[in-house]
Amino acid sequence: MENVQTVNDKKVMASVQKKEERIHNFQEVSLGYTKEEAYKEASRCLQCKNPRCVIGCPVGIEIPKFIEAIKEEKMEMAYNIITEASTLPAVCGRVCPQENQCEKMCIKGFKSDAIAIGALERYVADYANMHHLKKNKESEKKEQRIAIIGSGPSGLSCAGTLAKEGYRVTVYEVLHKAGGVLTYGIPEFRLPKQIVEKEVVDLKHMGVEFVLDTLIGKTITLSNLKEDYDAIYIATGAGLPKFMGIPNELACGVFSANEVLTRINLMKAYEDGNTPLYLGDKIIVVGGGNVACDVARSLKRFGKDVSIVYRRGISDMPARKEEVHHLLEEQIEIKEFLNPVRICVDSNQLVTGIEVVHMVSVGTDDKGRAIVEEVRDSKEVLECDMVVMALGTNINALAIENTDIKVRENGCIEVDGTRTSSDRCFAGGDVVTGAATVILAMEAGKKAAYEIIDLFEKEKTSVV
């Protein structure tokens, strides 16, 4: 296994699968810290009196405290500190963009490497799973019932927070497995599904009920739920794929990232006997985010020639730096400053290539990303027989169709905090913000849980 040793005060890097081996399997790339590595990294923490890292954590984990517990080898304490604030530590330790949040705020990062907070969180969560540690005990059971629509990170976060306070929670999921995007969207090599399944099992042990294969808006309406529950939290995410609207996008061989990832992650198309996946021999993925990287790296593991087309430069890609690094290590080419304008097809409407124009940077926007313009007379055709569009997602409004819930111009649900315009209905995560990160969805779920609890407490006070 490859391992990068520390130099002076450098971050301890966890071992990873060798690149020449991992492109042939779907096993997790990062192997996580050993006990010695975790202790060494934890020892780098300055234990700041006013920890900026906590401010940078959307769910407010007391980061220095759990890191100090690691140093003192008090692993159950470390786990309890994390789970006091976070419902899904093993998930967040793997896929949360710490470099833009808690680690970005770390004071060490100004003169050296920031503390590897995500890797340490994963270490604690994996230790807890291995040693069967239980999360903090929930409160005395209460009578109020809450329905949660969607079992993605926001729904699970809300469910865990409410269950911990003793409320009766039922989570409705349209698919046959719980987890939402954690299950169907993120590849096994980044987030093993057994990790997600373990988090769901833990919630079940806390009393959370899961109702699968149920499409709210069709199988059951929101009005039906209102008759049976004291509050409802809508966390249906943003699962509708976006396309470019260029010619021949409906050709055979053009796919959305959603379909490709769902077939691979949820249906395990890489295993013999499972739902098959259409595969070209030369594949182009359009996009520059984590999803584009996930698709490209997944298809590479089928032994295909895969490249990414992105309209800006590599340094502007919104994907995590770690993912881009792994992608390049796996010999997936990023064709930067190219923008697709047409899918090329043969007489049978089969993909033969993708026509692109060259782009050039002409400045930066208020977020520091390149503003690009088309270069005149720069069209060229890139040969391929499969195209995957990884351009982001829109929300699916089916659950709230024909209801009194207000939405904004972009189709996202309008909220005050997490309260919707409909009585006792709350919403959060991607269905409110548009496609965002796992941890921001979790933050919304946690916030909604406390707003629901506040509603119940006020009602109890008014009765008294």
Protein backbone atom coordinates (compact mmCIF):
# COMPACT_ATOMS: atom_id res chain seq x y z
CA MET A 1 0.00 0.00 0.00
CA GLU A 2 1.14 3.54 -0.73
CA ASN A 3 1.75 5.82 2.22
CA VAL A 4 3.02 9.38 2.39
CA GLN A 5 5.03 10.02 5.54
CA THR A 6 4.94 13.32 7.40
CA VAL A 7 7.75 15.83 7.08
CA ASN A 8 8.18 18.26 9.97
CA ASP A 9 4.65 19.44 10.76
CA LYS A 10 2.95 18.02 7.71
CA LYS A 11 -0.44 16.31 7.83
CA VAL A 12 -0.36 12.54 8.31
CA MET A 13 -1.67 10.98 5.13
CA ALA A 14 -3.63 7.73 5.37
CA SER A 15 -2.64 4.81 3.18
CA VAL A 16 -4.52 4.23 -0.07
CA GLN A 17 -4.88 1.40 -2.55
CA LYS A 18 -2.20 1.43 -5.22
CA LYS A 19 -3.55 3.14 -8.31
CA GLU A 20 -2.74 0.23 -10.61
CA GLU A 21 -4.80 -2.08 -8.39
CA ARG A 22 -7.76 0.09 -7.47
CA ILE A 23 -8.82 0.80 -11.08
CA HIS A 24 -9.79 -2.87 -11.28
CA ASN A 25 -12.06 -2.96 -8.21
CA PHE A 26 -14.72 -0.98 -6.35
CA GLN A 27 -13.13 -1.34 -2.92
CA GLU A 28 -12.55 1.79 -0.85
CA VAL A 29 -9.54 3.77 -2.06
CA SER A 30 -8.56 5.36 1.26
CA LEU A 31 -7.74 2.82 3.95
CA GLY A 32 -8.08 5.23 6.87
CA TYR A 33 -5.73 5.85 9.77
CA THR A 34 -4.05 3.24 11.89
CA LYS A 35 -4.05 3.84 15.65
CA GLU A 36 -0.52 5.23 15.46
CA GLU A 37 -1.33 7.54 12.55
CA ALA A 38 -4.45 8.86 14.27
CA TYR A 39 -2.51 9.59 17.47
CA LYS A 40 0.24 11.34 15.52
CA GLU A 41 -2.24 13.52 13.62
CA ALA A 42 -4.29 14.26 16.76
CA SER A 43 -1.09 15.37 18.49
CA ARG A 44 -0.70 18.17 15.92
CA CYS A 45 -3.86 19.89 17.17
CA LEU A 46 -3.15 23.13 19.05
CA GLN A 47 -6.33 22.84 21.18
CA CYS A 48 -7.20 26.49 20.51
CA LYS A 49 -9.09 28.34 23.23
CA ASN A 50 -11.39 29.80 20.57
CA PRO A 51 -11.52 26.99 18.00
CA ARG A 52 -12.30 28.36 14.55
CA CYS A 53 -12.77 24.81 13.26
CA VAL A 54 -16.01 24.43 15.22
CA ILE A 55 -17.35 27.57 13.58
CA GLY A 56 -16.55 26.01 10.20
CA CYS A 57 -18.45 22.80 10.97
CA PRO A 58 -22.06 23.05 9.72
CA VAL A 59 -23.33 20.70 12.47
CA GLY A 60 -21.16 22.17 15.23
CA ILE A 61 -19.02 19.21 16.31
CA GLU A 62 -16.75 20.06 19.25
CA ILE A 63 -13.70 19.20 17.18
CA PRO A 64 -10.82 19.92 19.61
CA LYS A 65 -12.56 17.89 22.31
CA PHE A 66 -12.92 14.74 20.23
CA ILE A 67 -9.35 15.10 18.95
CA GLU A 68 -8.05 15.40 22.51
CA ALA A 69 -10.02 12.27 23.41
CA ILE A 70 -8.23 10.42 20.60
CA LYS A 71 -4.88 11.46 22.07
CA GLU A 72 -5.96 10.21 25.47
CA GLU A 73 -7.17 6.93 23.87
CA LYS A 74 -10.70 7.59 25.15
CA MET A 75 -12.41 6.43 22.01
CA GLU A 76 -15.92 6.05 23.43
CA MET A 77 -15.71 9.63 24.68
CA ALA A 78 -14.53 10.81 21.27
CA TYR A 79 -17.45 9.00 19.62
CA ASN A 80 -19.96 10.47 22.06
CA ILE A 81 -18.64 13.99 21.44
CA ILE A 82 -19.03 13.59 17.69
CA THR A 83 -22.46 11.92 17.78
CA GLU A 84 -23.79 14.56 20.15
CA ALA A 85 -23.73 16.84 17.10
CA SER A 86 -23.62 14.56 14.05
CA THR A 87 -25.85 11.67 13.06
CA LEU A 88 -23.59 10.22 10.36
CA PRO A 89 -19.93 10.42 11.44
CA ALA A 90 -18.65 7.52 9.32
CA VAL A 91 -20.26 9.11 6.27
CA CYS A 92 -19.07 12.66 6.94
CA GLY A 93 -15.56 11.49 7.71
CA ARG A 94 -15.42 10.19 4.14
CA VAL A 95 -17.35 12.56 1.91
CA CYS A 96 -17.68 15.88 3.75
CA PRO A 97 -15.63 18.65 2.03
CA GLN A 98 -13.68 19.50 5.17
CA GLU A 99 -11.13 21.48 3.15
CA ASN A 100 -13.82 24.11 2.53
CA GLN A 101 -15.26 24.04 6.05
CA CYS A 102 -13.67 23.02 9.35
CA GLU A 103 -10.17 22.40 7.97
CA LYS A 104 -10.28 25.67 6.06
CA MET A 105 -10.76 27.46 9.39
CA CYS A 106 -7.98 25.54 11.20
CA ILE A 107 -5.31 27.95 12.47
CA LYS A 108 -2.59 25.41 11.63
CA GLY A 109 -3.44 25.74 7.98
CA PHE A 110 -2.08 29.28 7.79
CA LYS A 111 1.54 28.21 8.33
CA SER A 112 1.46 24.47 7.77
CA ASP A 113 -1.12 21.79 6.96
CA ALA A 114 -4.53 22.01 8.59
CA ILE A 115 -5.42 19.17 10.96
CA ALA A 116 -6.97 16.24 9.06
CA ILE A 117 -10.27 16.58 10.90
CA GLY A 118 -12.23 14.45 8.43
CA ALA A 119 -9.75 11.59 8.58
CA LEU A 120 -9.82 11.69 12.38
CA GLU A 121 -13.63 11.70 12.42
CA ARG A 122 -13.63 8.67 10.13
CA TYR A 123 -11.12 6.92 12.41
CA VAL A 124 -13.35 7.41 15.45
CA ALA A 125 -16.49 6.31 13.59
CA ASP A 126 -14.80 3.21 12.16
CA TYR A 127 -13.45 2.33 15.61
CA ALA A 128 -16.96 2.70 17.03
CA ASN A 129 -18.42 0.44 14.34
CA MET A 130 -15.71 -2.17 14.82
CA HIS A 131 -16.16 -2.21 18.59
CA HIS A 132 -19.97 -1.89 18.47
CA LEU A 133 -20.10 1.34 20.44
CA LYS A 134 -23.57 2.81 20.81
CA LYS A 135 -24.52 6.42 20.26
CA ASN A 136 -25.68 8.54 23.19
CA LYS A 137 -28.89 7.18 24.65
CA GLU A 138 -32.11 8.80 23.51
CA SER A 139 -34.60 10.50 25.83
CA GLU A 140 -37.85 9.18 27.22
CA LYS A 141 -40.34 8.34 24.47
CA LYS A 142 -42.80 11.03 23.47
CA GLU A 143 -46.19 10.82 21.82
CA GLN A 144 -45.69 13.08 18.80
CA ARG A 145 -45.17 11.40 15.43
CA ILE A 146 -43.10 12.88 12.62
CA ALA A 147 -43.01 11.75 8.99
CA ILE A 148 -39.84 12.36 7.02
CA ILE A 149 -39.99 12.21 3.24
CA GLY A 150 -36.65 11.06 1.88
CA SER A 151 -33.91 8.98 3.49
CA GLY A 152 -30.90 10.90 2.22
CA PRO A 153 -28.48 12.73 4.53
CA SER A 154 -30.95 15.46 5.44
CA GLY A 155 -33.74 13.02 6.25
CA LEU A 156 -31.44 10.74 8.25
CA SER A 157 -30.00 13.68 10.17
CA CYS A 158 -33.47 14.92 11.09
CA ALA A 159 -34.58 11.41 12.03
CA GLY A 160 -31.57 10.82 14.26
CA THR A 161 -31.91 14.15 16.05
CA LEU A 162 -35.63 13.61 16.72
CA ALA A 163 -35.20 9.97 17.76
CA LYS A 164 -32.48 10.97 20.22
CA GLU A 165 -35.02 13.30 21.83
CA GLY A 166 -37.56 10.48 22.08
CA TYR A 167 -39.91 11.34 19.22
CA ARG A 168 -41.60 8.71 17.04
CA VAL A 169 -40.20 8.98 13.52
CA THR A 170 -41.14 7.31 10.25
CA VAL A 171 -38.98 7.81 7.17
CA TYR A 172 -40.50 7.29 3.70
CA GLU A 173 -38.21 6.32 0.83
CA VAL A 174 -39.12 5.82 -2.84
CA LEU A 175 -36.33 3.30 -3.53
CA HIS A 176 -35.91 -0.21 -2.16
CA LYS A 177 -32.94 0.81 0.02
CA ALA A 178 -32.56 3.70 2.43
CA GLY A 179 -29.78 6.26 2.17
CA GLY A 180 -30.79 8.43 -0.77
CA VAL A 181 -27.79 9.88 -2.60
CA LEU A 182 -25.48 8.14 -0.10
CA THR A 183 -26.72 4.83 -1.50
CA TYR A 184 -27.38 5.51 -5.18
CA GLY A 185 -25.05 8.42 -5.88
CA ILE A 186 -21.66 8.03 -4.20
CA PRO A 187 -19.47 5.14 -5.43
CA GLU A 188 -18.47 2.23 -3.24
CA PHE A 189 -14.79 3.19 -3.51
CA ARG A 190 -15.55 6.51 -1.79
CA LEU A 191 -18.35 5.43 0.54
CA PRO A 192 -18.87 1.70 1.12
CA LYS A 193 -22.56 0.90 1.26
CA GLN A 194 -22.11 -1.13 4.45
CA ILE A 195 -21.27 2.18 6.16
CA VAL A 196 -24.61 3.66 5.07
CA GLU A 197 -26.45 0.47 6.02
CA LYS A 198 -24.87 0.56 9.48
CA GLU A 199 -26.06 4.13 10.03
CA VAL A 200 -29.59 3.11 9.00
CA VAL A 201 -29.51 0.10 11.35
CA ASP A 202 -28.41 2.38 14.20
CA LEU A 203 -31.42 4.62 13.55
CA LYS A 204 -33.70 1.59 13.57
CA HIS A 205 -32.30 0.62 16.96
CA MET A 206 -33.23 4.13 18.13
CA GLY A 207 -36.82 3.46 17.08
CA VAL A 208 -36.90 5.05 13.63
CA GLU A 209 -39.19 3.20 11.20
CA PHE A 210 -38.38 3.04 7.49
CA VAL A 211 -41.08 2.60 4.84
CA LEU A 212 -39.46 1.77 1.49
CA ASP A 213 -40.78 1.58 -2.08
CA THR A 214 -43.19 4.41 -1.34
CA LEU A 215 -43.56 7.42 -3.62
CA ILE A 216 -45.01 10.35 -1.70
CA GLY A 217 -47.27 12.25 -4.05
CA LYS A 218 -48.49 9.04 -5.70
CA THR A 219 -48.47 6.04 -3.34
CA ILE A 220 -49.37 8.35 -0.46
CA THR A 221 -50.18 12.06 -0.67
CA LEU A 222 -48.98 14.79 1.63
CA SER A 223 -52.58 15.21 2.78
CA ASN A 224 -52.63 11.55 3.81
CA LEU A 225 -49.51 12.05 5.90
CA LYS A 226 -50.96 15.12 7.59
CA GLU A 227 -53.83 13.02 8.88
CA ASP A 228 -51.47 10.58 10.62
CA TYR A 229 -48.53 12.70 11.77
CA ASP A 230 -47.97 15.73 13.99
CA ALA A 231 -45.30 17.19 11.69
CA ILE A 232 -43.73 16.45 8.31
CA TYR A 233 -40.18 17.07 7.10
CA ILE A 234 -39.64 17.13 3.33
CA ALA A 235 -36.12 16.05 2.39
CA THR A 236 -36.54 14.71 -1.13
CA GLY A 237 -33.27 16.19 -2.37
CA ALA A 238 -32.47 17.12 -5.95
CA GLY A 239 -32.51 14.02 -8.08
CA LEU A 240 -33.60 15.17 -11.52
CA PRO A 241 -30.66 15.34 -13.96
CA LYS A 242 -29.81 18.40 -16.01
CA PHE A 243 -28.94 18.33 -19.70
CA MET A 244 -27.41 20.97 -21.96
CA GLY A 245 -30.15 21.19 -24.57
CA ILE A 246 -27.73 20.60 -27.43
CA PRO A 247 -28.61 18.65 -30.61
CA ASN A 248 -28.87 14.84 -30.40
CA GLU A 249 -28.92 14.60 -26.61
CA LEU A 250 -31.58 11.89 -26.92
CA ALA A 251 -29.32 9.69 -29.04
CA CYS A 252 -28.53 6.13 -28.01
CA GLY A 253 -25.40 6.32 -25.89
CA VAL A 254 -26.12 9.60 -24.08
CA PHE A 255 -26.83 9.17 -20.37
CA SER A 256 -27.30 11.23 -17.24
CA ALA A 257 -24.85 10.75 -14.40
CA ASN A 258 -27.83 9.83 -12.19
CA GLU A 259 -28.68 6.76 -14.24
CA VAL A 260 -25.09 5.56 -14.54
CA LEU A 261 -24.36 5.97 -10.83
CA THR A 262 -27.68 4.44 -9.75
CA ARG A 263 -27.05 1.34 -11.85
CA ILE A 264 -23.53 1.02 -10.49
CA ASN A 265 -24.05 1.93 -6.84
CA LEU A 266 -27.58 0.83 -6.03
CA MET A 267 -27.91 -2.04 -8.50
CA LYS A 268 -24.22 -3.07 -8.48
CA ALA A 269 -23.91 -3.37 -12.25
CA TYR A 270 -20.24 -4.29 -11.81
CA GLU A 271 -21.21 -7.68 -10.35
CA ASP A 272 -22.18 -10.57 -12.62
CA GLY A 273 -25.91 -11.29 -12.75
CA ASN A 274 -27.05 -7.82 -11.69
CA THR A 275 -28.82 -5.11 -13.70
CA PRO A 276 -26.55 -4.41 -16.69
CA LEU A 277 -25.15 -1.04 -17.70
CA TYR A 278 -24.76 0.17 -21.29
CA LEU A 279 -21.05 0.75 -21.84
CA GLY A 280 -19.16 2.31 -24.69
CA ASP A 281 -15.48 1.67 -25.29
CA LYS A 282 -14.51 5.35 -25.45
CA ILE A 283 -16.49 7.45 -22.98
CA ILE A 284 -16.67 11.19 -22.40
CA VAL A 285 -18.08 12.61 -19.16
CA VAL A 286 -19.21 16.25 -19.31
CA GLY A 287 -18.82 18.25 -16.10
CA GLY A 288 -16.31 19.22 -13.42
CA GLY A 289 -17.88 18.42 -10.06
CA ASN A 290 -17.65 15.47 -7.70
CA VAL A 291 -20.37 13.67 -9.66
CA ALA A 292 -18.38 13.93 -12.89
CA CYS A 293 -15.34 12.52 -11.10
CA ASP A 294 -17.43 9.74 -9.54
CA VAL A 295 -18.84 8.73 -12.93
CA ALA A 296 -15.48 8.83 -14.68
CA ARG A 297 -13.70 6.85 -11.97
CA SER A 298 -16.52 4.31 -11.83
CA LEU A 299 -16.50 3.71 -15.60
CA LYS A 300 -12.71 3.43 -15.57
CA ARG A 301 -13.14 0.41 -13.31
CA PHE A 302 -15.00 -1.34 -16.13
CA GLY A 303 -11.77 -1.15 -18.13
CA LYS A 304 -12.97 1.63 -20.43
CA ASP A 305 -11.18 4.60 -22.01
CA VAL A 306 -12.67 7.52 -20.06
CA SER A 307 -12.04 11.25 -20.18
CA ILE A 308 -13.70 14.37 -18.78
CA VAL A 309 -14.65 17.45 -20.79
CA TYR A 310 -14.88 20.66 -18.76
CA ARG A 311 -15.49 24.20 -19.97
CA ARG A 312 -13.11 25.81 -17.47
CA GLY A 313 -9.62 24.85 -16.30
CA ILE A 314 -8.71 22.03 -13.92
CA SER A 315 -7.99 24.51 -11.13
CA ASP A 316 -11.59 25.78 -11.42
CA MET A 317 -13.23 22.36 -11.06
CA PRO A 318 -15.70 22.40 -8.14
CA ALA A 319 -14.83 18.77 -7.33
CA ARG A 320 -12.81 18.10 -4.19
CA LYS A 321 -9.07 18.36 -4.79
CA GLU A 322 -8.64 14.85 -3.41
CA GLU A 323 -11.05 13.47 -6.02
CA VAL A 324 -9.33 15.29 -8.88
CA HIS A 325 -5.98 14.00 -7.61
CA HIS A 326 -7.24 10.41 -7.51
CA LEU A 327 -8.86 10.80 -10.91
CA LEU A 328 -5.62 11.95 -12.52
CA GLU A 329 -3.71 9.19 -10.74
CA GLU A 330 -6.08 6.72 -12.34
CA GLN A 331 -5.08 8.04 -15.77
CA ILE A 332 -8.36 9.72 -16.60
CA GLU A 333 -7.68 12.69 -18.85
CA ILE A 334 -9.34 16.03 -18.15
CA LYS A 335 -9.87 17.93 -21.40
CA GLU A 336 -10.14 21.46 -20.06
CA PHE A 337 -11.54 24.62 -21.66
CA LEU A 338 -13.85 22.69 -23.98
CA ASN A 339 -17.62 23.15 -24.18
CA PRO A 340 -19.92 20.65 -25.98
CA VAL A 341 -22.23 22.08 -28.63
CA ARG A 342 -23.52 18.93 -30.38
CA ILE A 343 -23.64 15.17 -30.03
CA CYS A 344 -22.46 13.49 -33.23
CA VAL A 345 -24.46 10.44 -34.35
CA ASP A 346 -24.60 7.97 -37.23
CA SER A 347 -27.62 7.02 -39.36
CA ASN A 348 -28.89 4.77 -36.55
CA GLN A 349 -28.75 7.59 -34.00
CA LEU A 350 -25.78 5.97 -32.24
CA VAL A 351 -23.18 8.26 -30.68
CA THR A 352 -19.99 8.65 -32.72
CA GLY A 353 -18.49 11.70 -31.04
CA ILE A 354 -19.07 15.02 -29.39
CA GLU A 355 -18.52 18.38 -31.06
CA VAL A 356 -16.90 20.97 -28.80
CA VAL A 357 -15.69 24.54 -28.97
CA HIS A 358 -12.59 25.83 -27.25
CA MET A 359 -13.03 28.27 -24.41
CA VAL A 360 -10.68 30.91 -23.04
CA SER A 361 -10.54 32.56 -19.63
CA VAL A 362 -11.26 36.29 -19.72
CA GLY A 363 -11.31 37.06 -16.00
CA THR A 364 -12.80 35.81 -12.74
CA ASP A 365 -16.23 36.08 -11.14
CA ASP A 366 -17.04 37.13 -7.56
CA LYS A 367 -16.32 33.56 -6.41
CA GLY A 368 -12.87 33.59 -7.95
CA ARG A 369 -13.76 31.16 -10.74
CA ALA A 370 -12.78 31.75 -14.36
CA ILE A 371 -15.17 33.57 -16.65
CA VAL A 372 -14.83 31.87 -20.01
CA GLU A 373 -15.77 32.81 -23.56
CA GLU A 374 -15.91 30.81 -26.75
CA VAL A 375 -12.96 30.99 -29.12
CA ARG A 376 -14.18 31.80 -32.65
CA ASP A 377 -13.82 29.11 -35.31
CA SER A 378 -12.50 26.60 -32.78
CA LYS A 379 -14.89 23.68 -33.24
CA GLU A 380 -13.57 20.15 -33.24
CA VAL A 381 -15.01 16.65 -32.81
CA LEU A 382 -13.88 14.29 -30.09
CA GLU A 383 -14.52 10.66 -30.98
CA CYS A 384 -16.51 8.60 -28.48
CA ASP A 385 -19.35 6.11 -28.39
CA MET A 386 -20.85 7.09 -25.02
CA VAL A 387 -21.49 10.46 -23.37
CA VAL A 388 -22.47 11.02 -19.74
CA MET A 389 -23.88 14.40 -18.68
CA ALA A 390 -22.81 15.29 -15.14
CA LEU A 391 -24.06 18.87 -15.00
CA GLY A 392 -25.90 19.01 -11.70
CA THR A 393 -29.50 18.28 -10.75
CA ASN A 394 -32.91 19.85 -10.23
CA ILE A 395 -35.43 19.07 -7.51
CA ASN A 396 -38.26 16.59 -8.01
CA ALA A 397 -41.44 18.39 -6.92
CA LEU A 398 -43.74 15.37 -7.09
CA ALA A 399 -44.22 15.16 -3.31
CA ILE A 400 -45.57 18.72 -3.14
CA GLU A 401 -47.62 18.85 -6.35
CA ASN A 402 -51.22 19.98 -5.77
CA THR A 403 -50.42 21.19 -2.26
CA ASP A 404 -50.34 24.63 -0.65
CA ILE A 405 -46.55 24.60 -0.31
CA LYS A 406 -44.97 27.62 -1.99
CA VAL A 407 -41.91 27.30 -4.20
CA ARG A 408 -39.43 29.85 -5.52
CA GLU A 409 -38.87 30.66 -9.19
CA ASN A 410 -36.18 27.98 -9.44
CA GLY A 411 -38.63 25.34 -8.20
CA CYS A 412 -37.05 24.96 -4.75
CA ILE A 413 -39.33 25.02 -1.73
CA GLU A 414 -39.71 28.40 -0.04
CA VAL A 415 -38.98 28.28 3.70
CA ASP A 416 -38.71 30.48 6.75
CA GLY A 417 -35.92 28.74 8.62
CA THR A 418 -37.11 25.27 7.66
CA ARG A 419 -40.85 26.00 7.92
CA THR A 420 -42.81 25.89 4.67
CA SER A 421 -45.98 27.81 3.87
CA SER A 422 -48.01 24.73 4.84
CA ASP A 423 -48.93 24.17 8.48
CA ARG A 424 -46.69 21.65 10.26
CA CYS A 425 -44.65 21.03 7.12
CA PHE A 426 -40.92 21.65 7.17
CA ALA A 427 -38.32 21.26 4.42
CA GLY A 428 -34.56 21.32 4.05
CA GLY A 429 -31.52 20.15 2.17
CA ASP A 430 -31.26 20.17 -1.62
CA VAL A 431 -35.02 20.51 -2.08
CA VAL A 432 -34.64 23.99 -0.58
CA THR A 433 -31.12 25.03 -1.60
CA GLY A 434 -30.68 23.14 -4.85
CA ALA A 435 -27.90 20.58 -5.18
CA ALA A 436 -25.35 21.07 -2.38
CA THR A 437 -23.19 18.93 -0.08
CA VAL A 438 -24.01 16.06 2.26
CA ILE A 439 -23.03 18.02 5.35
CA LEU A 440 -25.15 21.06 4.45
CA ALA A 441 -28.12 18.74 3.96
CA MET A 442 -27.39 17.24 7.39
CA GLU A 443 -27.22 20.71 8.91
CA ALA A 444 -30.68 21.47 7.49
CA GLY A 445 -32.07 18.20 8.84
CA LYS A 446 -30.74 18.92 12.30
CA LYS A 447 -32.10 22.46 12.21
CA ALA A 448 -35.52 21.21 11.11
CA ALA A 449 -35.59 18.69 13.95
CA TYR A 450 -35.07 21.43 16.52
CA GLU A 451 -37.66 23.68 14.87
CA ILE A 452 -40.14 20.80 15.02
CA ILE A 453 -39.29 20.22 18.68
CA ASP A 454 -39.71 23.95 19.33
CA LEU A 455 -43.18 23.77 17.76
CA PHE A 456 -44.19 20.94 20.06
CA GLU A 457 -42.76 22.68 23.14
CA LYS A 458 -44.65 25.88 22.39
CA GLU A 459 -47.88 23.94 21.93
CA LYS A 460 -47.33 22.17 25.24
CA THR A 461 -46.72 25.48 26.99
CA SER A 462 -49.83 27.06 25.48
CA VAL A 463 -51.98 24.15 26.68
CA VAL A 464 -50.63 24.50 30.21
